[in-house]
Structures are given as structure tokens and as C-alpha cells.
Amino acid sequence: MHLPRRVLVIAGTATLLAGVGTAAGAAALIAGGPVSSGVVSSCYKTASSGGAHAVQLEDTGHACPSGYTHLTWNQKGQTGTTGPKGATGATGPKGATGATGPKGPQGPAGITSAYVDYGPGGTIGNANYTTVGQLTLPAGNWVMTATVDLVFSGSDGATADSINCDLGDGAGDEVDQASATIPLDPDFGDGTTTITVTGDTTNGGTATFACIDDTGISPSPSASSVVITAVQASSLHTSFN
């Protein structure tokens, strides 16, 4: 089959190009005067030759010769519409475990000091406080507990006795106090009780645990099994509910 050759005639030259074979060659032809603001100007011959029309590029604004029709096209086509979103890809493989971070600095040592004293006890009078135990502490924050067992014996006719115990710190301030009323056996006047006092202080020195017989019955009660403990803390947060 015989296919007609399409001839491209370039205005202003005497050269005829048949089927320019590369994009670079076509770009070189278009890059001259026929291109303005991205629009290519040309003229094509209205009459065909073997079913083909001769096309020649014309400088922008130049009129086409007789027998040709003006034709323009854009160097760059319009932007197409955005395509649909693609499907989500498969999850990638798990990444390698990162390197171990550097070791942090060592924290400060905790405070673990604790002091315990087993007091001598003694007979509890009713005129003044009787010291039943003492504990010497260095300066710091302390949580303290003092416990004493009280024994009554042979108080004929008495039915109850009242004892008050006070825990004071090394500065003479009261840490706390507690009291108890002890029922006594009506026949023998016997009875026992335990009093515990708990509190905190920021004072060092010699803490004192002392008790007094508020009732003053005879014979006076005796104190035994006295224990005073103090545990040091880094800080104290005291609340009263």
C-alpha cells in the first residue's frame, strides 16, 4: 500500500522536513517565532493532497496565505482532573529494634535511718509527769511512735483510773499526746491498758515520753514495756482530718 508522505513546511526557510523523527527536533522547530505564551501558531492548506494537508508554522500575528486556514494549539495541555485515591498499601515489615538508650544518672540514696529505745518505765505519779522513756535523735524529719503498758494492782474500792501520756521532741515541743480511762476490777482493783502516741517532728535532740495519773488512786499504776521508735523521712507532709 502506498502511504502519502506528510510534509511539514517551516515558514521563513526553504527546507522541507519529512516526518521529524525526534522530540528534540520538533522542539527546535517550535521554539522560534510561532510560539507565544505557550500557544503555537500555524497555517494548514485547505486543499488536501492524497488525503493529507500541508501544515506550516507561522510567526504569531502573521496572516495565513491564500488557500490556508489559521490553526493554533497549546504547547502544554490542560491539567486533568485528579484521579481517584488508590487503595491503601499493605503494611510494611516491622522495623528493627532501636539501640538501647544511655543509662540515666543514679538517683539520690533514700533515707532509711530508724531509732528505737526501750524505756525503763516506772511508777506513774499524780503530781507531775513521770518520764518512762527517752530517745536521742539527730536533726531531720522524724515519724515517731511511743507505746507503754500500764498495770494497776490492789486499788481497793476504785473502779477506774485515767492516765495521760505525752510525747515531746528534743526542742520541748509536744509531738502528740493520748489518754485512756482504765476500768478496774471492783474486787481486786486490778486493770491493764496500753497507750500509744504517734506524731512527727523536724527537731533533733532528746525526745521524752512521760505519763501522769489524772485520778491519783493508790497505789499508783506502773509503766512497763515502753518502746519509742523514730523513722527518718526525706520529707514530711502532715494533714489533720
C-alpha atoms as a PDB file:
ATOM      1  CA  MET A   1       0.000   0.000   0.000  1.00  0.00           C
ATOM      2  CA  HIS A   2       1.294   3.479  -0.845  1.00  0.00           C
ATOM      3  CA  LEU A   3       1.112   5.916   2.073  1.00  0.00           C
ATOM      4  CA  PRO A   4       1.335   9.629   1.206  1.00  0.00           C
ATOM      5  CA  ARG A   5       4.254  11.484   2.784  1.00  0.00           C
ATOM      6  CA  ARG A   6       3.220  14.283   5.148  1.00  0.00           C
ATOM      7  CA  VAL A   7       5.379  17.309   4.550  1.00  0.00           C
ATOM      8  CA  LEU A   8       5.968  19.969   7.231  1.00  0.00           C
ATOM      9  CA  VAL A   9       6.986  23.311   5.760  1.00  0.00           C
ATOM     10  CA  ILE A  10       8.741  25.783   8.086  1.00  0.00           C
ATOM     11  CA  ALA A  11       7.938  29.433   7.342  1.00  0.00           C
ATOM     12  CA  GLY A  12      10.948  31.581   6.501  1.00  0.00           C
ATOM     13  CA  THR A  13      13.105  28.647   5.285  1.00  0.00           C
ATOM     14  CA  ALA A  14      13.421  26.698   2.075  1.00  0.00           C
ATOM     15  CA  THR A  15      13.836  23.386   3.902  1.00  0.00           C
ATOM     16  CA  LEU A  16      11.145  20.690   3.823  1.00  0.00           C
ATOM     17  CA  LEU A  17      11.080  18.226   6.724  1.00  0.00           C
ATOM     18  CA  ALA A  18       9.506  14.836   6.288  1.00  0.00           C
ATOM     19  CA  GLY A  19       8.378  13.111   9.464  1.00  0.00           C
ATOM     20  CA  VAL A  20      10.680  14.764  12.032  1.00  0.00           C
ATOM     21  CA  GLY A  21      11.928  11.771  13.983  1.00  0.00           C
ATOM     22  CA  THR A  22      12.780  13.104  17.433  1.00  0.00           C
ATOM     23  CA  ALA A  23      11.080  15.189  20.089  1.00  0.00           C
ATOM     24  CA  ALA A  24      14.231  17.322  20.305  1.00  0.00           C
ATOM     25  CA  GLY A  25      13.960  18.104  16.591  1.00  0.00           C
ATOM     26  CA  ALA A  26      10.292  19.047  16.905  1.00  0.00           C
ATOM     27  CA  ALA A  27      11.015  21.225  19.913  1.00  0.00           C
ATOM     28  CA  ALA A  28      13.714  23.029  17.966  1.00  0.00           C
ATOM     29  CA  LEU A  29      11.219  23.802  15.217  1.00  0.00           C
ATOM     30  CA  ILE A  30       8.547  25.076  17.616  1.00  0.00           C
ATOM     31  CA  ALA A  31      10.860  27.118  19.808  1.00  0.00           C
ATOM     32  CA  GLY A  32      11.030  30.050  17.334  1.00  0.00           C
ATOM     33  CA  GLY A  33       8.612  32.843  16.415  1.00  0.00           C
ATOM     34  CA  PRO A  34       5.470  30.689  16.035  1.00  0.00           C
ATOM     35  CA  VAL A  35       5.275  30.208  19.825  1.00  0.00           C
ATOM     36  CA  SER A  36       3.875  32.910  22.101  1.00  0.00           C
ATOM     37  CA  SER A  37       2.784  32.390  25.721  1.00  0.00           C
ATOM     38  CA  GLY A  38       2.629  28.643  25.159  1.00  0.00           C
ATOM     39  CA  VAL A  39       0.419  28.862  22.029  1.00  0.00           C
ATOM     40  CA  VAL A  40       1.718  27.563  18.672  1.00  0.00           C
ATOM     41  CA  SER A  41       0.508  29.344  15.509  1.00  0.00           C
ATOM     42  CA  SER A  42       0.298  27.598  12.141  1.00  0.00           C
ATOM     43  CA  CYS A  43      -1.489  27.534   8.811  1.00  0.00           C
ATOM     44  CA  TYR A  44      -2.704  24.407   7.108  1.00  0.00           C
ATOM     45  CA  LYS A  45      -3.505  24.089   3.429  1.00  0.00           C
ATOM     46  CA  THR A  46      -7.247  23.764   2.966  1.00  0.00           C
ATOM     47  CA  ALA A  47      -6.914  21.581  -0.096  1.00  0.00           C
ATOM     48  CA  SER A  48      -5.628  18.114   0.595  1.00  0.00           C
ATOM     49  CA  SER A  49      -3.133  16.144  -1.373  1.00  0.00           C
ATOM     50  CA  GLY A  50      -3.720  12.395  -1.219  1.00  0.00           C
ATOM     51  CA  GLY A  51      -5.751  12.840   1.951  1.00  0.00           C
ATOM     52  CA  ALA A  52      -3.022  14.883   3.669  1.00  0.00           C
ATOM     53  CA  HIS A  53      -2.911  18.599   4.450  1.00  0.00           C
ATOM     54  CA  ALA A  54       0.284  20.585   4.430  1.00  0.00           C
ATOM     55  CA  VAL A  55       0.898  22.478   7.690  1.00  0.00           C
ATOM     56  CA  GLN A  56       3.318  25.350   8.087  1.00  0.00           C
ATOM     57  CA  LEU A  57       4.220  27.242  11.215  1.00  0.00           C
ATOM     58  CA  GLU A  58       3.647  30.964  11.117  1.00  0.00           C
ATOM     59  CA  ASP A  59       5.024  33.684  13.356  1.00  0.00           C
ATOM     60  CA  THR A  60       2.482  34.789  15.907  1.00  0.00           C
ATOM     61  CA  GLY A  61       0.284  37.505  14.385  1.00  0.00           C
ATOM     62  CA  HIS A  62       1.301  36.665  10.788  1.00  0.00           C
ATOM     63  CA  ALA A  63      -1.669  36.172   8.411  1.00  0.00           C
ATOM     64  CA  CYS A  64      -2.005  32.842   6.624  1.00  0.00           C
ATOM     65  CA  PRO A  65      -1.519  32.973   2.827  1.00  0.00           C
ATOM     66  CA  SER A  66      -4.410  32.416   0.479  1.00  0.00           C
ATOM     67  CA  GLY A  67      -5.661  28.838   0.473  1.00  0.00           C
ATOM     68  CA  TYR A  68      -4.553  28.198   4.103  1.00  0.00           C
ATOM     69  CA  THR A  69      -6.541  28.204   7.295  1.00  0.00           C
ATOM     70  CA  HIS A  70      -5.170  29.519  10.612  1.00  0.00           C
ATOM     71  CA  LEU A  71      -4.661  26.793  13.273  1.00  0.00           C
ATOM     72  CA  THR A  72      -3.331  27.086  16.813  1.00  0.00           C
ATOM     73  CA  TRP A  73      -2.697  24.629  19.644  1.00  0.00           C
ATOM     74  CA  ASN A  74      -1.224  24.755  23.132  1.00  0.00           C
ATOM     75  CA  GLN A  75       2.267  23.503  23.792  1.00  0.00           C
ATOM     76  CA  LYS A  76       1.014  22.141  27.108  1.00  0.00           C
ATOM     77  CA  GLY A  77      -2.365  20.543  27.579  1.00  0.00           C
ATOM     78  CA  GLN A  78      -4.741  21.429  30.395  1.00  0.00           C
ATOM     79  CA  THR A  79      -4.292  19.734  33.778  1.00  0.00           C
ATOM     80  CA  GLY A  80      -6.534  16.719  34.022  1.00  0.00           C
ATOM     81  CA  THR A  81      -8.855  16.041  36.914  1.00  0.00           C
ATOM     82  CA  THR A  82      -7.420  14.356  39.979  1.00  0.00           C
ATOM     83  CA  GLY A  83      -7.696  10.610  39.770  1.00  0.00           C
ATOM     84  CA  PRO A  84      -9.369   8.506  42.431  1.00  0.00           C
ATOM     85  CA  LYS A  85      -7.476   7.701  45.596  1.00  0.00           C
ATOM     86  CA  GLY A  86      -5.532   4.492  45.329  1.00  0.00           C
ATOM     87  CA  ALA A  87      -6.068   1.569  47.614  1.00  0.00           C
ATOM     88  CA  THR A  88      -4.156   1.510  50.899  1.00  0.00           C
ATOM     89  CA  GLY A  89      -0.912  -0.346  50.517  1.00  0.00           C
ATOM     90  CA  ALA A  90      -0.015  -3.355  52.579  1.00  0.00           C
ATOM     91  CA  THR A  91       1.549  -2.761  55.991  1.00  0.00           C
ATOM     92  CA  GLY A  92       5.297  -2.697  55.778  1.00  0.00           C
ATOM     93  CA  PRO A  93       7.506  -5.001  57.800  1.00  0.00           C
ATOM     94  CA  LYS A  94       8.307  -4.152  61.407  1.00  0.00           C
ATOM     95  CA  GLY A  95      11.382  -2.036  61.760  1.00  0.00           C
ATOM     96  CA  ALA A  96      14.407  -3.158  63.662  1.00  0.00           C
ATOM     97  CA  THR A  97      14.552  -2.502  67.411  1.00  0.00           C
ATOM     98  CA  GLY A  98      16.336   0.719  68.178  1.00  0.00           C
ATOM     99  CA  ALA A  99      19.525   0.842  70.167  1.00  0.00           C
ATOM    100  CA  THR A 100      19.294   0.932  73.957  1.00  0.00           C
ATOM    101  CA  GLY A 101      19.458   4.454  75.300  1.00  0.00           C
ATOM    102  CA  PRO A 102      22.197   5.593  77.646  1.00  0.00           C
ATOM    103  CA  LYS A 103      21.980   4.742  81.324  1.00  0.00           C
ATOM    104  CA  GLY A 104      20.482   7.524  83.408  1.00  0.00           C
ATOM    105  CA  PRO A 105      22.221   9.061  86.383  1.00  0.00           C
ATOM    106  CA  GLN A 106      21.924   7.314  89.727  1.00  0.00           C
ATOM    107  CA  GLY A 107      19.254   8.767  91.966  1.00  0.00           C
ATOM    108  CA  PRO A 108      19.943  10.003  95.474  1.00  0.00           C
ATOM    109  CA  ALA A 109      20.093   7.432  98.236  1.00  0.00           C
ATOM    110  CA  GLY A 110      16.881   7.024 100.207  1.00  0.00           C
ATOM    111  CA  ILE A 111      16.718   7.800 103.913  1.00  0.00           C
ATOM    112  CA  THR A 112      16.403   4.639 105.951  1.00  0.00           C
ATOM    113  CA  SER A 113      17.563   5.656 109.425  1.00  0.00           C
ATOM    114  CA  ALA A 114      15.487   4.372 112.313  1.00  0.00           C
ATOM    115  CA  TYR A 115      15.956   4.630 116.082  1.00  0.00           C
ATOM    116  CA  VAL A 116      14.391   2.529 118.838  1.00  0.00           C
ATOM    117  CA  ASP A 117      14.539   2.904 122.620  1.00  0.00           C
ATOM    118  CA  TYR A 118      13.146   0.529 125.226  1.00  0.00           C
ATOM    119  CA  GLY A 119      12.369   2.748 128.176  1.00  0.00           C
ATOM    120  CA  PRO A 120      12.748   1.820 131.830  1.00  0.00           C
ATOM    121  CA  GLY A 121       9.147   2.511 132.747  1.00  0.00           C
ATOM    122  CA  GLY A 122       8.431   3.176 136.441  1.00  0.00           C
ATOM    123  CA  THR A 123       5.689   4.197 138.826  1.00  0.00           C
ATOM    124  CA  ILE A 124       3.283   6.847 137.490  1.00  0.00           C
ATOM    125  CA  GLY A 125       2.618   9.626 139.972  1.00  0.00           C
ATOM    126  CA  ASN A 126      -0.268  12.085 140.050  1.00  0.00           C
ATOM    127  CA  ALA A 127       1.584  15.298 140.921  1.00  0.00           C
ATOM    128  CA  ASN A 128       3.889  15.592 137.914  1.00  0.00           C
ATOM    129  CA  TYR A 129       4.601  13.776 134.644  1.00  0.00           C
ATOM    130  CA  THR A 130       6.851  10.764 135.100  1.00  0.00           C
ATOM    131  CA  THR A 131       9.377  10.100 132.332  1.00  0.00           C
ATOM    132  CA  VAL A 132       9.035   6.487 131.225  1.00  0.00           C
ATOM    133  CA  GLY A 133      11.386   6.584 128.188  1.00  0.00           C
ATOM    134  CA  GLN A 134      13.705   8.828 126.147  1.00  0.00           C
ATOM    135  CA  LEU A 135      15.202   8.678 122.645  1.00  0.00           C
ATOM    136  CA  THR A 136      18.001  10.923 121.317  1.00  0.00           C
ATOM    137  CA  LEU A 137      17.768  11.846 117.617  1.00  0.00           C
ATOM    138  CA  PRO A 138      19.913  13.819 115.167  1.00  0.00           C
ATOM    139  CA  ALA A 139      18.334  16.702 113.248  1.00  0.00           C
ATOM    140  CA  GLY A 140      15.947  15.612 110.492  1.00  0.00           C
ATOM    141  CA  ASN A 141      12.372  14.692 109.667  1.00  0.00           C
ATOM    142  CA  TRP A 142      11.058  12.049 112.027  1.00  0.00           C
ATOM    143  CA  VAL A 143       7.900   9.977 112.372  1.00  0.00           C
ATOM    144  CA  MET A 144       7.646   8.820 115.994  1.00  0.00           C
ATOM    145  CA  THR A 145       5.621   6.261 117.926  1.00  0.00           C
ATOM    146  CA  ALA A 146       5.671   5.622 121.686  1.00  0.00           C
ATOM    147  CA  THR A 147       3.885   2.761 123.437  1.00  0.00           C
ATOM    148  CA  VAL A 148       3.519   1.904 127.133  1.00  0.00           C
ATOM    149  CA  ASP A 149       1.723  -0.827 129.064  1.00  0.00           C
ATOM    150  CA  LEU A 150       0.097   0.348 132.344  1.00  0.00           C
ATOM    151  CA  VAL A 151      -0.678  -2.035 135.175  1.00  0.00           C
ATOM    152  CA  PHE A 152      -2.904  -1.352 138.213  1.00  0.00           C
ATOM    153  CA  SER A 153      -2.950  -3.657 141.204  1.00  0.00           C
ATOM    154  CA  GLY A 154      -4.578  -3.619 144.649  1.00  0.00           C
ATOM    155  CA  SER A 155      -6.555  -0.381 144.320  1.00  0.00           C
ATOM    156  CA  ASP A 156      -9.291  -1.276 146.809  1.00  0.00           C
ATOM    157  CA  GLY A 157     -12.570   0.456 146.145  1.00  0.00           C
ATOM    158  CA  ALA A 158     -11.502   2.132 142.875  1.00  0.00           C
ATOM    159  CA  THR A 159     -13.470   1.280 139.749  1.00  0.00           C
ATOM    160  CA  ALA A 160     -11.457   3.192 137.106  1.00  0.00           C
ATOM    161  CA  ASP A 161      -8.331   5.230 136.597  1.00  0.00           C
ATOM    162  CA  SER A 162      -7.364   7.823 133.989  1.00  0.00           C
ATOM    163  CA  ILE A 163      -3.843   8.113 132.562  1.00  0.00           C
ATOM    164  CA  ASN A 164      -2.455  10.730 130.165  1.00  0.00           C
ATOM    165  CA  CYS A 165       0.826  10.274 128.250  1.00  0.00           C
ATOM    166  CA  ASP A 166       2.703  12.939 126.326  1.00  0.00           C
ATOM    167  CA  LEU A 167       5.465  12.593 123.667  1.00  0.00           C
ATOM    168  CA  GLY A 168       7.718  15.644 123.351  1.00  0.00           C
ATOM    169  CA  ASP A 169      10.584  16.268 120.922  1.00  0.00           C
ATOM    170  CA  GLY A 170      14.124  17.473 121.630  1.00  0.00           C
ATOM    171  CA  ALA A 171      13.059  21.139 121.420  1.00  0.00           C
ATOM    172  CA  GLY A 172      10.427  20.692 124.129  1.00  0.00           C
ATOM    173  CA  ASP A 173       7.532  20.810 121.666  1.00  0.00           C
ATOM    174  CA  GLU A 174       4.708  18.364 122.043  1.00  0.00           C
ATOM    175  CA  VAL A 175       4.649  15.793 119.269  1.00  0.00           C
ATOM    176  CA  ASP A 176       1.323  14.374 120.418  1.00  0.00           C
ATOM    177  CA  GLN A 177      -0.467  13.012 123.484  1.00  0.00           C
ATOM    178  CA  ALA A 178      -3.032  10.346 124.322  1.00  0.00           C
ATOM    179  CA  SER A 179      -5.065   9.346 127.345  1.00  0.00           C
ATOM    180  CA  ALA A 180      -7.096   6.365 128.441  1.00  0.00           C
ATOM    181  CA  THR A 181      -9.578   5.519 131.174  1.00  0.00           C
ATOM    182  CA  ILE A 182      -8.989   2.021 132.536  1.00  0.00           C
ATOM    183  CA  PRO A 183     -11.780   0.080 134.220  1.00  0.00           C
ATOM    184  CA  LEU A 184     -10.588  -1.721 137.379  1.00  0.00           C
ATOM    185  CA  ASP A 185     -11.766  -4.964 138.861  1.00  0.00           C
ATOM    186  CA  PRO A 186     -14.195  -3.979 141.696  1.00  0.00           C
ATOM    187  CA  ASP A 187     -12.959  -6.752 143.996  1.00  0.00           C
ATOM    188  CA  PHE A 188      -9.208  -6.556 143.494  1.00  0.00           C
ATOM    189  CA  GLY A 189      -8.664  -3.137 141.890  1.00  0.00           C
ATOM    190  CA  ASP A 190      -6.631  -4.674 139.073  1.00  0.00           C
ATOM    191  CA  GLY A 191      -6.504  -3.485 135.462  1.00  0.00           C
ATOM    192  CA  THR A 192      -4.201  -3.067 132.459  1.00  0.00           C
ATOM    193  CA  THR A 193      -4.122  -0.889 129.356  1.00  0.00           C
ATOM    194  CA  THR A 194      -1.800   0.205 126.560  1.00  0.00           C
ATOM    195  CA  ILE A 195      -1.363   3.784 125.386  1.00  0.00           C
ATOM    196  CA  THR A 196       0.189   4.615 122.014  1.00  0.00           C
ATOM    197  CA  VAL A 197       1.205   8.099 120.901  1.00  0.00           C
ATOM    198  CA  THR A 198       2.189   8.820 117.275  1.00  0.00           C
ATOM    199  CA  GLY A 199       3.397  12.056 115.695  1.00  0.00           C
ATOM    200  CA  ASP A 200       6.137  13.738 113.693  1.00  0.00           C
ATOM    201  CA  THR A 201       8.834  16.308 114.290  1.00  0.00           C
ATOM    202  CA  THR A 202      11.638  18.094 112.496  1.00  0.00           C
ATOM    203  CA  ASN A 203      13.651  18.659 115.673  1.00  0.00           C
ATOM    204  CA  GLY A 204      16.612  16.644 116.808  1.00  0.00           C
ATOM    205  CA  GLY A 205      17.666  16.191 120.403  1.00  0.00           C
ATOM    206  CA  THR A 206      16.270  14.004 123.176  1.00  0.00           C
ATOM    207  CA  ALA A 207      12.608  13.109 122.801  1.00  0.00           C
ATOM    208  CA  THR A 208      10.762  12.344 126.038  1.00  0.00           C
ATOM    209  CA  PHE A 209       7.803  10.059 126.696  1.00  0.00           C
ATOM    210  CA  ALA A 210       6.078  10.845 130.021  1.00  0.00           C
ATOM    211  CA  CYS A 211       2.800   9.912 131.737  1.00  0.00           C
ATOM    212  CA  ILE A 212       0.677  11.177 134.668  1.00  0.00           C
ATOM    213  CA  ASP A 213      -2.080   9.590 136.742  1.00  0.00           C
ATOM    214  CA  ASP A 214      -5.014  12.008 136.461  1.00  0.00           C
ATOM    215  CA  THR A 215      -7.112  10.167 139.049  1.00  0.00           C
ATOM    216  CA  GLY A 216      -4.496   9.721 141.760  1.00  0.00           C
ATOM    217  CA  ILE A 217      -5.649   6.432 143.163  1.00  0.00           C
ATOM    218  CA  SER A 218      -3.408   4.415 145.472  1.00  0.00           C
ATOM    219  CA  PRO A 219      -1.303   2.517 144.875  1.00  0.00           C
ATOM    220  CA  SER A 220      -0.112   4.259 141.719  1.00  0.00           C
ATOM    221  CA  PRO A 221      -0.035   2.337 138.424  1.00  0.00           C
ATOM    222  CA  SER A 222       3.288   1.146 136.980  1.00  0.00           C
ATOM    223  CA  ALA A 223       4.551   1.561 133.432  1.00  0.00           C
ATOM    224  CA  SER A 224       6.340  -1.243 131.569  1.00  0.00           C
ATOM    225  CA  SER A 225       7.182  -2.437 128.057  1.00  0.00           C
ATOM    226  CA  VAL A 226       7.976   1.104 126.959  1.00  0.00           C
ATOM    227  CA  VAL A 227       9.043   1.366 123.289  1.00  0.00           C
ATOM    228  CA  ILE A 228       9.881   4.577 121.446  1.00  0.00           C
ATOM    229  CA  THR A 229      10.614   4.382 117.697  1.00  0.00           C
ATOM    230  CA  ALA A 230      11.579   7.083 115.213  1.00  0.00           C
ATOM    231  CA  VAL A 231      11.890   6.607 111.443  1.00  0.00           C
ATOM    232  CA  GLN A 232      13.568   9.286 109.348  1.00  0.00           C
ATOM    233  CA  ALA A 233      11.837  10.537 106.175  1.00  0.00           C
ATOM    234  CA  SER A 234      13.089  12.634 103.257  1.00  0.00           C
ATOM    235  CA  SER A 235      10.126  14.974 103.721  1.00  0.00           C
ATOM    236  CA  LEU A 236       7.057  15.300 105.911  1.00  0.00           C
ATOM    237  CA  HIS A 237       3.530  16.020 104.677  1.00  0.00           C
ATOM    238  CA  THR A 238       1.241  16.334 107.680  1.00  0.00           C
ATOM    239  CA  SER A 239      -2.534  16.708 107.464  1.00  0.00           C
ATOM    240  CA  PHE A 240      -5.214  16.915 110.155  1.00  0.00           C
ATOM    241  CA  ASN A 241      -8.606  15.406 109.300  1.00  0.00           C
END
